[in-house]
N, C-alpha and C. Protein backbone atom coordinates (compact mmCIF):
# COMPACT_ATOMS: atom_id res chain seq x y z
N UNK A 1 162.53 286.35 313.31
CA UNK A 1 162.66 286.92 311.99
C UNK A 1 161.42 287.75 311.69
N UNK A 2 161.61 288.99 311.29
CA UNK A 2 160.51 289.90 311.03
C UNK A 2 160.02 289.73 309.60
N UNK A 3 158.69 289.67 309.43
CA UNK A 3 158.09 289.53 308.11
C UNK A 3 158.05 290.88 307.41
N UNK A 4 158.23 290.86 306.08
CA UNK A 4 158.15 292.10 305.31
C UNK A 4 156.74 292.36 304.81
N UNK A 5 155.80 291.47 305.13
CA UNK A 5 154.41 291.65 304.72
C UNK A 5 153.71 292.54 305.74
N UNK A 6 153.08 293.60 305.23
CA UNK A 6 152.34 294.50 306.11
C UNK A 6 150.96 293.91 306.39
N UNK A 7 150.29 294.46 307.38
CA UNK A 7 148.94 294.03 307.70
C UNK A 7 148.02 294.26 306.52
N UNK A 8 148.19 295.38 305.83
CA UNK A 8 147.37 295.69 304.66
C UNK A 8 147.62 294.67 303.55
N UNK A 9 148.89 294.31 303.31
CA UNK A 9 149.22 293.30 302.30
C UNK A 9 148.60 291.96 302.67
N UNK A 10 148.73 291.57 303.92
CA UNK A 10 148.18 290.29 304.38
C UNK A 10 146.67 290.28 304.20
N UNK A 11 146.00 291.37 304.52
CA UNK A 11 144.56 291.47 304.38
C UNK A 11 144.16 291.30 302.91
N UNK A 12 144.88 291.97 302.01
CA UNK A 12 144.61 291.88 300.58
C UNK A 12 144.83 290.46 300.06
N UNK A 13 145.89 289.82 300.51
CA UNK A 13 146.18 288.45 300.10
C UNK A 13 145.07 287.51 300.57
N UNK A 14 144.64 287.66 301.82
CA UNK A 14 143.60 286.81 302.37
C UNK A 14 142.26 287.00 301.66
N UNK A 15 141.93 288.22 301.28
CA UNK A 15 140.70 288.48 300.53
C UNK A 15 140.77 287.77 299.18
N UNK A 16 141.91 287.85 298.50
CA UNK A 16 142.07 287.17 297.22
C UNK A 16 141.96 285.67 297.34
N UNK A 17 142.59 285.11 298.35
CA UNK A 17 142.53 283.66 298.58
C UNK A 17 141.10 283.24 298.92
N UNK A 18 140.40 284.04 299.71
CA UNK A 18 139.01 283.73 300.05
C UNK A 18 138.16 283.66 298.78
N UNK A 19 138.38 284.59 297.85
CA UNK A 19 137.64 284.59 296.59
C UNK A 19 137.93 283.34 295.77
N UNK A 20 139.20 282.96 295.70
CA UNK A 20 139.58 281.77 294.93
C UNK A 20 138.93 280.51 295.52
N UNK A 21 138.96 280.38 296.84
CA UNK A 21 138.35 279.22 297.48
C UNK A 21 136.82 279.21 297.30
N UNK A 22 136.20 280.38 297.35
CA UNK A 22 134.75 280.46 297.13
C UNK A 22 134.41 279.99 295.73
N UNK A 23 135.17 280.45 294.72
CA UNK A 23 134.91 280.05 293.34
C UNK A 23 135.08 278.54 293.19
N UNK A 24 136.14 277.98 293.73
CA UNK A 24 136.36 276.54 293.63
C UNK A 24 135.21 275.77 294.29
N UNK A 25 134.75 276.24 295.42
CA UNK A 25 133.62 275.61 296.11
C UNK A 25 132.36 275.66 295.26
N UNK A 26 132.09 276.81 294.66
CA UNK A 26 130.89 276.95 293.81
C UNK A 26 130.99 276.04 292.58
N UNK A 27 132.19 275.93 292.00
CA UNK A 27 132.37 275.03 290.86
C UNK A 27 132.03 273.60 291.25
N UNK A 28 132.56 273.16 292.38
CA UNK A 28 132.28 271.80 292.85
C UNK A 28 130.78 271.60 293.08
N UNK A 29 130.12 272.59 293.66
CA UNK A 29 128.68 272.45 293.95
C UNK A 29 127.85 272.37 292.67
N UNK A 30 128.42 272.85 291.56
CA UNK A 30 127.76 272.75 290.25
C UNK A 30 128.27 271.55 289.45
N UNK A 31 128.96 270.66 290.15
CA UNK A 31 129.50 269.42 289.56
C UNK A 31 130.47 269.69 288.42
N UNK A 32 131.30 270.72 288.61
CA UNK A 32 132.34 271.06 287.64
C UNK A 32 133.68 270.72 288.26
N UNK A 33 134.44 269.84 287.60
CA UNK A 33 135.73 269.41 288.09
C UNK A 33 136.75 270.53 287.88
N UNK A 34 137.39 270.95 288.95
CA UNK A 34 138.33 272.07 288.86
C UNK A 34 139.42 271.91 289.92
N UNK A 35 140.50 272.65 289.72
CA UNK A 35 141.60 272.65 290.69
C UNK A 35 142.31 273.99 290.60
N UNK A 36 143.07 274.29 291.65
CA UNK A 36 143.89 275.49 291.60
C UNK A 36 144.97 275.29 290.55
N UNK A 37 145.32 276.34 289.84
CA UNK A 37 146.42 276.30 288.88
C UNK A 37 147.74 276.22 289.66
N UNK A 38 148.78 275.70 289.03
CA UNK A 38 150.08 275.68 289.71
C UNK A 38 150.51 277.10 290.07
N UNK A 39 151.27 277.27 291.15
CA UNK A 39 151.75 278.60 291.53
C UNK A 39 152.51 279.26 290.37
N UNK A 40 152.33 280.56 290.25
CA UNK A 40 153.00 281.37 289.23
C UNK A 40 152.52 281.06 287.80
N UNK A 41 151.41 280.32 287.66
CA UNK A 41 150.85 280.05 286.34
C UNK A 41 150.28 281.37 285.83
N UNK A 42 150.72 281.85 284.67
CA UNK A 42 150.33 283.20 284.24
C UNK A 42 148.83 283.35 283.94
N UNK A 43 148.23 284.35 284.55
CA UNK A 43 146.86 284.78 284.26
C UNK A 43 145.78 283.75 284.57
N UNK A 44 146.09 282.67 285.26
CA UNK A 44 145.11 281.64 285.56
C UNK A 44 145.20 281.27 287.04
N UNK A 45 144.05 281.28 287.72
CA UNK A 45 144.00 280.88 289.12
C UNK A 45 143.41 279.48 289.30
N UNK A 46 142.43 279.15 288.44
CA UNK A 46 141.73 277.87 288.55
C UNK A 46 141.64 277.24 287.17
N UNK A 47 141.84 275.92 287.14
CA UNK A 47 141.73 275.15 285.90
C UNK A 47 140.48 274.29 285.97
N UNK A 48 139.71 274.26 284.87
CA UNK A 48 138.53 273.40 284.77
C UNK A 48 138.85 272.32 283.76
N UNK A 49 138.64 271.08 284.17
CA UNK A 49 138.87 269.94 283.29
C UNK A 49 137.56 269.19 283.15
N UNK A 50 136.87 269.34 282.01
CA UNK A 50 135.57 268.70 281.86
C UNK A 50 135.65 267.18 282.06
N UNK A 51 134.76 266.65 282.87
CA UNK A 51 134.74 265.22 283.18
C UNK A 51 134.46 264.40 281.92
N UNK A 52 133.57 264.87 281.09
CA UNK A 52 133.18 264.13 279.88
C UNK A 52 133.97 264.54 278.65
N UNK A 53 135.17 265.02 278.83
CA UNK A 53 135.97 265.46 277.69
C UNK A 53 135.70 266.92 277.38
N UNK A 54 136.14 267.34 276.23
CA UNK A 54 135.98 268.74 275.85
C UNK A 54 137.21 269.53 276.24
N UNK A 55 137.19 270.79 275.91
CA UNK A 55 138.33 271.65 276.17
C UNK A 55 138.37 272.13 277.61
N UNK A 56 139.56 272.20 278.11
CA UNK A 56 139.76 272.76 279.45
C UNK A 56 139.43 274.25 279.42
N UNK A 57 139.07 274.79 280.56
CA UNK A 57 138.82 276.23 280.68
C UNK A 57 139.67 276.76 281.81
N UNK A 58 139.95 278.04 281.74
CA UNK A 58 140.79 278.70 282.72
C UNK A 58 139.99 279.82 283.37
N UNK A 59 140.24 280.03 284.64
CA UNK A 59 139.55 281.10 285.36
C UNK A 59 140.57 281.98 286.05
N UNK A 60 140.37 283.28 285.90
CA UNK A 60 141.12 284.26 286.68
C UNK A 60 140.12 284.85 287.67
N UNK A 61 140.46 284.81 288.95
CA UNK A 61 139.57 285.29 290.00
C UNK A 61 140.01 286.68 290.44
N UNK A 62 139.04 287.59 290.50
CA UNK A 62 139.26 288.94 291.03
C UNK A 62 138.27 289.12 292.18
N UNK A 63 138.78 289.51 293.32
CA UNK A 63 137.93 289.61 294.51
C UNK A 63 137.99 291.01 295.11
N UNK A 64 136.84 291.49 295.54
CA UNK A 64 136.76 292.76 296.23
C UNK A 64 135.81 292.63 297.41
N UNK A 65 136.02 293.46 298.39
CA UNK A 65 135.08 293.55 299.49
C UNK A 65 134.18 294.74 299.22
N UNK A 66 132.89 294.53 299.27
CA UNK A 66 131.93 295.59 298.98
C UNK A 66 132.04 296.69 300.01
N UNK A 67 132.25 297.90 299.52
CA UNK A 67 132.35 299.06 300.41
C UNK A 67 131.56 300.21 299.80
N UNK A 68 130.29 300.27 300.11
CA UNK A 68 129.46 301.38 299.65
C UNK A 68 129.23 301.38 298.15
N UNK A 69 129.15 302.58 297.59
CA UNK A 69 128.81 302.72 296.18
C UNK A 69 129.96 302.41 295.24
N UNK A 70 131.20 302.51 295.71
CA UNK A 70 132.34 302.35 294.82
C UNK A 70 132.70 300.88 294.64
N UNK A 71 131.78 300.15 294.02
CA UNK A 71 132.01 298.73 293.76
C UNK A 71 132.89 298.59 292.53
N UNK A 72 133.77 297.61 292.54
CA UNK A 72 134.56 297.36 291.35
C UNK A 72 135.81 296.56 291.64
N UNK A 73 136.46 296.17 290.56
CA UNK A 73 137.67 295.34 290.64
C UNK A 73 138.79 296.02 289.86
N UNK A 74 139.95 296.07 290.46
CA UNK A 74 141.12 296.66 289.81
C UNK A 74 141.61 295.75 288.71
N UNK A 75 141.95 296.34 287.58
CA UNK A 75 142.42 295.58 286.42
C UNK A 75 143.72 296.21 285.90
N UNK A 76 144.50 295.41 285.20
CA UNK A 76 145.77 295.87 284.63
C UNK A 76 145.61 296.18 283.13
N UNK A 77 146.62 296.84 282.58
CA UNK A 77 146.65 297.12 281.14
C UNK A 77 146.52 295.82 280.34
N UNK A 78 147.19 294.77 280.80
CA UNK A 78 147.20 293.50 280.07
C UNK A 78 145.82 292.89 279.89
N UNK A 79 144.87 293.21 280.77
CA UNK A 79 143.53 292.65 280.65
C UNK A 79 142.80 293.16 279.42
N UNK A 80 143.26 294.27 278.84
CA UNK A 80 142.64 294.79 277.62
C UNK A 80 142.81 293.82 276.45
N UNK A 81 143.90 293.06 276.47
CA UNK A 81 144.22 292.16 275.35
C UNK A 81 144.20 290.69 275.73
N UNK A 82 143.87 290.40 276.96
CA UNK A 82 143.87 289.02 277.44
C UNK A 82 142.54 288.37 277.07
N UNK A 83 142.51 287.77 275.88
CA UNK A 83 141.27 287.20 275.35
C UNK A 83 141.55 285.79 274.85
N UNK A 84 140.72 284.86 275.28
CA UNK A 84 140.79 283.47 274.82
C UNK A 84 139.42 282.85 275.03
N UNK A 85 138.99 281.97 274.11
CA UNK A 85 137.70 281.30 274.32
C UNK A 85 137.70 280.41 275.56
N UNK A 86 138.88 280.03 276.05
CA UNK A 86 138.96 279.19 277.24
C UNK A 86 139.02 279.99 278.53
N UNK A 87 139.28 281.30 278.46
CA UNK A 87 139.50 282.11 279.66
C UNK A 87 138.23 282.83 280.10
N UNK A 88 137.92 282.65 281.37
CA UNK A 88 136.79 283.35 282.01
C UNK A 88 137.31 284.05 283.25
N UNK A 89 136.59 285.09 283.64
CA UNK A 89 136.87 285.77 284.90
C UNK A 89 135.74 285.46 285.86
N UNK A 90 136.10 285.29 287.12
CA UNK A 90 135.11 285.23 288.19
C UNK A 90 135.36 286.45 289.06
N UNK A 91 134.44 287.39 289.02
CA UNK A 91 134.53 288.60 289.83
C UNK A 91 133.73 288.35 291.11
N UNK A 92 134.45 288.26 292.20
CA UNK A 92 133.86 287.91 293.49
C UNK A 92 133.66 289.19 294.30
N UNK A 93 132.47 289.30 294.85
CA UNK A 93 132.10 290.45 295.68
C UNK A 93 131.76 289.91 297.07
N UNK A 94 132.63 290.19 298.02
CA UNK A 94 132.44 289.71 299.39
C UNK A 94 131.85 290.83 300.23
N UNK A 95 130.83 290.48 300.98
CA UNK A 95 130.28 291.42 301.95
C UNK A 95 129.81 290.60 303.14
N UNK A 96 129.57 291.24 304.28
CA UNK A 96 129.09 290.48 305.44
C UNK A 96 127.75 289.78 305.17
N UNK A 97 126.93 290.34 304.28
CA UNK A 97 125.60 289.79 304.02
C UNK A 97 125.60 288.69 302.96
N UNK A 98 126.47 288.79 301.95
CA UNK A 98 126.42 287.84 300.84
C UNK A 98 127.76 287.77 300.11
N UNK A 99 127.87 286.77 299.28
CA UNK A 99 129.04 286.61 298.41
C UNK A 99 128.51 286.37 297.00
N UNK A 100 128.75 287.30 296.11
CA UNK A 100 128.30 287.19 294.73
C UNK A 100 129.49 286.88 293.83
N UNK A 101 129.24 286.06 292.80
CA UNK A 101 130.26 285.75 291.82
C UNK A 101 129.69 286.00 290.43
N UNK A 102 130.37 286.84 289.66
CA UNK A 102 130.00 287.13 288.29
C UNK A 102 130.97 286.36 287.39
N UNK A 103 130.45 285.47 286.55
CA UNK A 103 131.27 284.64 285.67
C UNK A 103 131.16 285.21 284.26
N UNK A 104 132.26 285.81 283.77
CA UNK A 104 132.23 286.56 282.52
C UNK A 104 133.34 286.10 281.58
N UNK A 105 133.03 285.83 280.30
CA UNK A 105 134.07 285.45 279.34
C UNK A 105 135.08 286.59 279.15
N UNK A 106 136.33 286.21 278.89
CA UNK A 106 137.40 287.21 278.77
C UNK A 106 137.16 288.19 277.63
N UNK A 107 136.52 287.74 276.54
CA UNK A 107 136.28 288.67 275.42
C UNK A 107 135.35 289.81 275.82
N UNK A 108 134.38 289.52 276.69
CA UNK A 108 133.45 290.55 277.17
C UNK A 108 134.20 291.52 278.09
N UNK A 109 135.02 290.99 278.97
CA UNK A 109 135.80 291.84 279.89
C UNK A 109 136.72 292.76 279.10
N UNK A 110 137.42 292.21 278.12
CA UNK A 110 138.33 293.03 277.30
C UNK A 110 137.56 294.12 276.54
N UNK A 111 136.39 293.77 276.03
CA UNK A 111 135.58 294.76 275.30
C UNK A 111 135.13 295.90 276.21
N UNK A 112 134.64 295.54 277.39
CA UNK A 112 134.18 296.57 278.34
C UNK A 112 135.35 297.45 278.77
N UNK A 113 136.49 296.84 279.08
CA UNK A 113 137.66 297.63 279.49
C UNK A 113 138.13 298.56 278.37
N UNK A 114 138.13 298.07 277.13
CA UNK A 114 138.55 298.89 275.98
C UNK A 114 137.61 300.07 275.79
N UNK A 115 136.30 299.80 275.83
CA UNK A 115 135.32 300.88 275.65
C UNK A 115 135.36 301.88 276.82
N UNK A 116 135.58 301.38 278.01
CA UNK A 116 135.69 302.25 279.19
C UNK A 116 136.91 303.14 279.06
N UNK A 117 138.01 302.56 278.59
CA UNK A 117 139.24 303.32 278.38
C UNK A 117 139.02 304.46 277.39
N UNK A 118 138.36 304.15 276.27
CA UNK A 118 138.09 305.18 275.24
C UNK A 118 137.20 306.28 275.78
N UNK A 119 136.15 305.90 276.52
CA UNK A 119 135.24 306.90 277.09
C UNK A 119 135.96 307.77 278.12
N UNK A 120 136.82 307.18 278.91
CA UNK A 120 137.56 307.92 279.92
C UNK A 120 138.51 308.93 279.27
N UNK A 121 139.22 308.51 278.24
CA UNK A 121 140.18 309.40 277.57
C UNK A 121 139.44 310.58 276.90
N UNK A 122 138.25 310.34 276.36
CA UNK A 122 137.47 311.39 275.71
C UNK A 122 136.96 312.44 276.71
N UNK A 123 136.70 312.01 277.93
CA UNK A 123 136.14 312.92 278.94
C UNK A 123 137.24 313.86 279.45
N UNK A 124 137.03 315.18 279.35
CA UNK A 124 138.06 316.11 279.84
C UNK A 124 138.23 316.05 281.36
N UNK A 125 139.40 316.44 281.82
CA UNK A 125 139.66 316.52 283.25
C UNK A 125 138.80 317.63 283.86
N UNK A 126 138.77 317.72 285.17
CA UNK A 126 137.98 318.75 285.85
C UNK A 126 138.38 320.16 285.41
N UNK A 127 139.68 320.33 285.13
CA UNK A 127 140.15 321.66 284.72
C UNK A 127 139.96 321.91 283.23
N UNK A 128 139.34 320.94 282.51
CA UNK A 128 139.07 321.11 281.08
C UNK A 128 140.16 320.58 280.17
N UNK A 129 141.31 320.24 280.71
CA UNK A 129 142.40 319.74 279.87
C UNK A 129 142.13 318.29 279.44
N UNK A 130 142.88 317.89 278.41
CA UNK A 130 142.72 316.54 277.87
C UNK A 130 143.38 315.50 278.77
N UNK A 131 142.80 314.33 278.77
CA UNK A 131 143.39 313.20 279.48
C UNK A 131 144.40 312.50 278.56
N UNK A 132 145.36 311.88 279.19
CA UNK A 132 146.33 311.06 278.44
C UNK A 132 146.12 309.61 278.86
N UNK A 133 146.95 308.75 278.38
CA UNK A 133 146.80 307.35 278.75
C UNK A 133 146.98 307.18 280.25
N UNK A 134 146.53 306.06 280.76
CA UNK A 134 146.57 305.81 282.20
C UNK A 134 146.68 304.31 282.41
N UNK A 135 147.01 303.92 283.62
CA UNK A 135 147.13 302.49 283.90
C UNK A 135 146.13 302.02 284.95
N UNK A 136 145.39 302.93 285.55
CA UNK A 136 144.41 302.55 286.58
C UNK A 136 143.09 302.21 285.91
N UNK A 137 142.68 300.97 286.02
CA UNK A 137 141.44 300.53 285.41
C UNK A 137 140.58 299.83 286.46
N UNK A 138 139.29 300.00 286.30
CA UNK A 138 138.33 299.33 287.19
C UNK A 138 137.24 298.72 286.32
N UNK A 139 136.83 297.53 286.67
CA UNK A 139 135.65 296.93 286.07
C UNK A 139 134.55 297.10 287.10
N UNK A 140 133.41 297.66 286.66
CA UNK A 140 132.33 297.99 287.61
C UNK A 140 130.97 297.58 287.04
N UNK A 141 130.00 297.37 287.91
CA UNK A 141 128.64 297.09 287.45
C UNK A 141 127.99 298.29 286.77
N UNK A 142 128.45 299.50 287.11
CA UNK A 142 127.97 300.71 286.44
C UNK A 142 129.09 301.75 286.47
N UNK A 143 129.11 302.53 285.41
CA UNK A 143 130.14 303.56 285.26
C UNK A 143 129.49 304.94 285.24
N UNK A 144 130.25 305.96 285.61
CA UNK A 144 129.73 307.33 285.61
C UNK A 144 129.70 307.92 284.20
N UNK A 145 130.34 307.23 283.26
CA UNK A 145 130.33 307.68 281.86
C UNK A 145 129.60 306.62 281.03
N UNK A 146 129.24 306.98 279.81
CA UNK A 146 128.50 306.06 278.97
C UNK A 146 129.45 305.08 278.29
N UNK A 147 129.21 303.79 278.53
CA UNK A 147 130.01 302.72 277.93
C UNK A 147 129.02 301.82 277.19
N UNK A 148 129.09 301.78 275.82
CA UNK A 148 128.09 301.04 275.04
C UNK A 148 127.88 299.59 275.48
N UNK A 149 128.94 298.87 275.76
CA UNK A 149 128.79 297.46 276.12
C UNK A 149 128.52 297.24 277.61
N UNK A 150 128.47 298.33 278.38
CA UNK A 150 128.28 298.19 279.83
C UNK A 150 127.31 299.23 280.39
N UNK A 151 126.02 299.15 279.97
CA UNK A 151 125.05 300.06 280.59
C UNK A 151 124.84 299.65 282.05
N UNK A 152 124.20 300.49 282.83
CA UNK A 152 123.95 300.17 284.24
C UNK A 152 123.34 298.77 284.35
N UNK A 153 123.89 297.98 285.25
CA UNK A 153 123.39 296.64 285.47
C UNK A 153 123.87 295.60 284.48
N UNK A 154 124.85 295.95 283.65
CA UNK A 154 125.32 295.03 282.60
C UNK A 154 125.84 293.70 283.16
N UNK A 155 126.34 293.71 284.39
CA UNK A 155 126.91 292.49 284.97
C UNK A 155 125.85 291.52 285.52
N UNK A 156 124.62 292.01 285.69
CA UNK A 156 123.57 291.19 286.31
C UNK A 156 123.38 289.85 285.60
N UNK A 157 123.45 289.83 284.28
CA UNK A 157 123.22 288.58 283.55
C UNK A 157 124.35 287.56 283.75
N UNK A 158 125.47 288.00 284.31
CA UNK A 158 126.60 287.10 284.56
C UNK A 158 126.66 286.63 286.01
N UNK A 159 125.73 287.08 286.84
CA UNK A 159 125.71 286.68 288.24
C UNK A 159 125.47 285.18 288.34
N UNK A 160 126.40 284.48 288.99
CA UNK A 160 126.32 283.03 289.19
C UNK A 160 126.09 282.29 287.86
N UNK A 161 126.77 282.73 286.81
CA UNK A 161 126.63 282.21 285.45
C UNK A 161 127.47 280.93 285.26
N UNK A 162 127.30 279.94 286.13
CA UNK A 162 128.13 278.74 286.12
C UNK A 162 127.89 277.86 284.91
N UNK A 163 126.68 277.90 284.33
CA UNK A 163 126.40 277.05 283.18
C UNK A 163 127.28 277.38 281.98
N UNK A 164 127.78 278.61 281.91
CA UNK A 164 128.67 278.98 280.80
C UNK A 164 129.99 278.22 280.84
N UNK A 165 130.30 277.63 281.99
CA UNK A 165 131.57 276.88 282.13
C UNK A 165 131.41 275.39 281.89
N UNK A 166 130.20 274.92 281.69
CA UNK A 166 129.95 273.49 281.50
C UNK A 166 130.17 273.08 280.05
């Protein structure tokens, strides 16, 4: 029986799974009780259940392999409005030299994406014409346009920010 999954699809799936397992491992190493969310659980990859009580937290993992200057993670339209005090993102950056994880609250991610969207729409196209709405979004450590909530290096303070989940 021939599989309908291409090599590119399989590679992308494996990179995503590697990121999820890395995040779970890091949570355990910080003595945070966590587990994978049930399959098809909307917008959540990992569940955190505080050992000493308190509210559960949810994590959505986004993973990329570092390739030169164009660092970033693909995001959907829905991420603009996906905000909850319990929801955090773990942006995983895999490279042969290191694996970095940026732990960022969903409200910050939504704010940066919204401001990036506004800045992008304001910037004219190369031919001078106006931009219209779009669905391609990237979250990046630095942008080529000015984003008030995301100056160059804005993600640095979220690098390995595991204490925010305790």
